[in-house]
Amino acid sequence: MWFVCYYMVEVRIEFDDEEQYERLKKLKKHRGLTWKGLLLEGEKKVREDTPE
């Protein structure tokens, strides 16, 4: 018997101001990403820039 579990987690982000939100929204649209995709791209960059 197989069980498949999918987890849906909702994340809410508070931006410092409208300018910060618009800047990130523009980047997201330019790269063709979703908000999730933008977050995952950010994680990848942080991992590349941070020695373990």
N, C-alpha and C. Protein backbone atom coordinates (compact mmCIF):
# COMPACT_ATOMS: atom_id res chain seq x y z
N MET A 1 0.84 -1.18 0.00
CA MET A 1 0.00 0.00 0.00
C MET A 1 0.89 1.24 0.00
N TRP A 2 0.57 2.22 -0.89
CA TRP A 2 1.36 3.45 -1.01
C TRP A 2 0.56 4.63 -0.49
N PHE A 3 1.25 5.51 0.22
CA PHE A 3 0.63 6.74 0.68
C PHE A 3 1.40 7.91 0.11
N VAL A 4 0.70 8.85 -0.42
CA VAL A 4 1.34 10.06 -0.94
C VAL A 4 0.82 11.24 -0.13
N CYS A 5 1.74 12.01 0.41
CA CYS A 5 1.36 13.18 1.20
C CYS A 5 1.85 14.43 0.50
N TYR A 6 0.99 15.36 0.35
CA TYR A 6 1.36 16.66 -0.21
C TYR A 6 1.08 17.70 0.86
N TYR A 7 2.03 18.59 1.07
CA TYR A 7 1.87 19.63 2.06
C TYR A 7 1.73 20.97 1.37
N MET A 8 0.70 21.70 1.70
CA MET A 8 0.50 23.05 1.21
C MET A 8 0.73 23.98 2.39
N VAL A 9 1.73 24.81 2.27
CA VAL A 9 2.03 25.76 3.32
C VAL A 9 1.84 27.16 2.75
N GLU A 10 1.16 27.97 3.46
CA GLU A 10 0.95 29.35 3.04
C GLU A 10 1.99 30.23 3.71
N VAL A 11 2.64 31.05 2.92
CA VAL A 11 3.65 31.97 3.44
C VAL A 11 3.19 33.39 3.16
N ARG A 12 3.23 34.22 4.16
CA ARG A 12 2.88 35.64 3.99
C ARG A 12 4.15 36.46 4.17
N ILE A 13 4.37 37.35 3.25
CA ILE A 13 5.56 38.19 3.27
C ILE A 13 5.14 39.63 3.52
N GLU A 14 5.78 40.27 4.48
CA GLU A 14 5.55 41.69 4.72
C GLU A 14 6.69 42.48 4.10
N PHE A 15 6.34 43.38 3.20
CA PHE A 15 7.33 44.23 2.57
C PHE A 15 7.48 45.51 3.38
N ASP A 16 8.69 46.08 3.32
CA ASP A 16 8.94 47.32 4.08
C ASP A 16 8.13 48.49 3.53
N ASP A 17 7.94 48.50 2.21
CA ASP A 17 7.18 49.59 1.59
C ASP A 17 6.75 49.17 0.20
N GLU A 18 5.95 50.00 -0.44
CA GLU A 18 5.42 49.72 -1.77
C GLU A 18 6.54 49.61 -2.80
N GLU A 19 7.60 50.40 -2.67
CA GLU A 19 8.72 50.37 -3.61
C GLU A 19 9.42 49.02 -3.60
N GLN A 20 9.62 48.46 -2.42
CA GLN A 20 10.25 47.15 -2.29
C GLN A 20 9.38 46.08 -2.95
N TYR A 21 8.09 46.13 -2.71
CA TYR A 21 7.16 45.18 -3.31
C TYR A 21 7.18 45.29 -4.83
N GLU A 22 7.11 46.50 -5.36
CA GLU A 22 7.09 46.71 -6.81
C GLU A 22 8.39 46.25 -7.45
N ARG A 23 9.52 46.49 -6.79
CA ARG A 23 10.83 46.06 -7.31
C ARG A 23 10.89 44.54 -7.44
N LEU A 24 10.45 43.83 -6.42
CA LEU A 24 10.47 42.37 -6.46
C LEU A 24 9.44 41.82 -7.44
N LYS A 25 8.28 42.46 -7.51
CA LYS A 25 7.25 42.02 -8.46
C LYS A 25 7.75 42.18 -9.90
N LYS A 26 8.46 43.27 -10.17
CA LYS A 26 9.02 43.51 -11.50
C LYS A 26 10.08 42.46 -11.84
N LEU A 27 10.95 42.14 -10.89
CA LEU A 27 11.97 41.11 -11.09
C LEU A 27 11.32 39.75 -11.36
N LYS A 28 10.33 39.43 -10.57
CA LYS A 28 9.60 38.17 -10.73
C LYS A 28 9.01 38.07 -12.13
N LYS A 29 8.36 39.11 -12.58
CA LYS A 29 7.74 39.11 -13.90
C LYS A 29 8.80 39.04 -15.00
N HIS A 30 9.88 39.79 -14.86
CA HIS A 30 10.95 39.81 -15.85
C HIS A 30 11.58 38.42 -16.03
N ARG A 31 11.74 37.69 -14.93
CA ARG A 31 12.35 36.36 -14.98
C ARG A 31 11.34 35.26 -15.31
N GLY A 32 10.06 35.61 -15.39
CA GLY A 32 9.02 34.63 -15.70
C GLY A 32 8.77 33.66 -14.56
N LEU A 33 8.88 34.14 -13.33
CA LEU A 33 8.75 33.29 -12.16
C LEU A 33 7.45 33.54 -11.42
N THR A 34 7.09 32.60 -10.59
CA THR A 34 6.03 32.79 -9.60
C THR A 34 6.71 33.31 -8.34
N TRP A 35 5.91 33.67 -7.34
CA TRP A 35 6.53 34.10 -6.07
C TRP A 35 7.34 32.94 -5.48
N LYS A 36 6.84 31.74 -5.60
CA LYS A 36 7.57 30.56 -5.11
C LYS A 36 8.89 30.42 -5.86
N GLY A 37 8.84 30.57 -7.18
CA GLY A 37 10.06 30.46 -7.98
C GLY A 37 11.09 31.51 -7.60
N LEU A 38 10.63 32.74 -7.35
CA LEU A 38 11.55 33.80 -6.94
C LEU A 38 12.20 33.46 -5.61
N LEU A 39 11.43 32.94 -4.69
CA LEU A 39 11.96 32.53 -3.38
C LEU A 39 12.99 31.42 -3.53
N LEU A 40 12.70 30.43 -4.37
CA LEU A 40 13.63 29.32 -4.56
C LEU A 40 14.92 29.77 -5.27
N GLU A 41 14.80 30.71 -6.21
CA GLU A 41 15.99 31.26 -6.86
C GLU A 41 16.84 32.01 -5.84
N GLY A 42 16.20 32.73 -4.93
CA GLY A 42 16.92 33.42 -3.86
C GLY A 42 17.65 32.44 -2.95
N GLU A 43 17.00 31.34 -2.63
CA GLU A 43 17.63 30.31 -1.80
C GLU A 43 18.87 29.76 -2.50
N LYS A 44 18.75 29.48 -3.79
CA LYS A 44 19.88 28.93 -4.55
C LYS A 44 21.07 29.90 -4.52
N LYS A 45 20.80 31.19 -4.70
CA LYS A 45 21.87 32.20 -4.70
C LYS A 45 22.52 32.29 -3.32
N VAL A 46 21.74 32.26 -2.27
CA VAL A 46 22.30 32.31 -0.91
C VAL A 46 23.20 31.10 -0.65
N ARG A 47 22.75 29.92 -1.08
CA ARG A 47 23.56 28.70 -0.90
C ARG A 47 24.87 28.78 -1.68
N GLU A 48 24.82 29.35 -2.89
CA GLU A 48 26.05 29.49 -3.69
C GLU A 48 27.02 30.47 -3.05
N ASP A 49 26.50 31.51 -2.43
CA ASP A 49 27.35 32.57 -1.86
C ASP A 49 27.79 32.30 -0.43
N THR A 50 27.26 31.24 0.20
CA THR A 50 27.55 30.97 1.60
C THR A 50 28.35 29.69 1.73
N PRO A 51 29.63 29.79 2.14
CA PRO A 51 30.41 28.56 2.36
C PRO A 51 29.86 27.78 3.55
N GLU A 52 29.92 26.47 3.45
CA GLU A 52 29.40 25.64 4.54
C GLU A 52 30.42 25.34 5.58
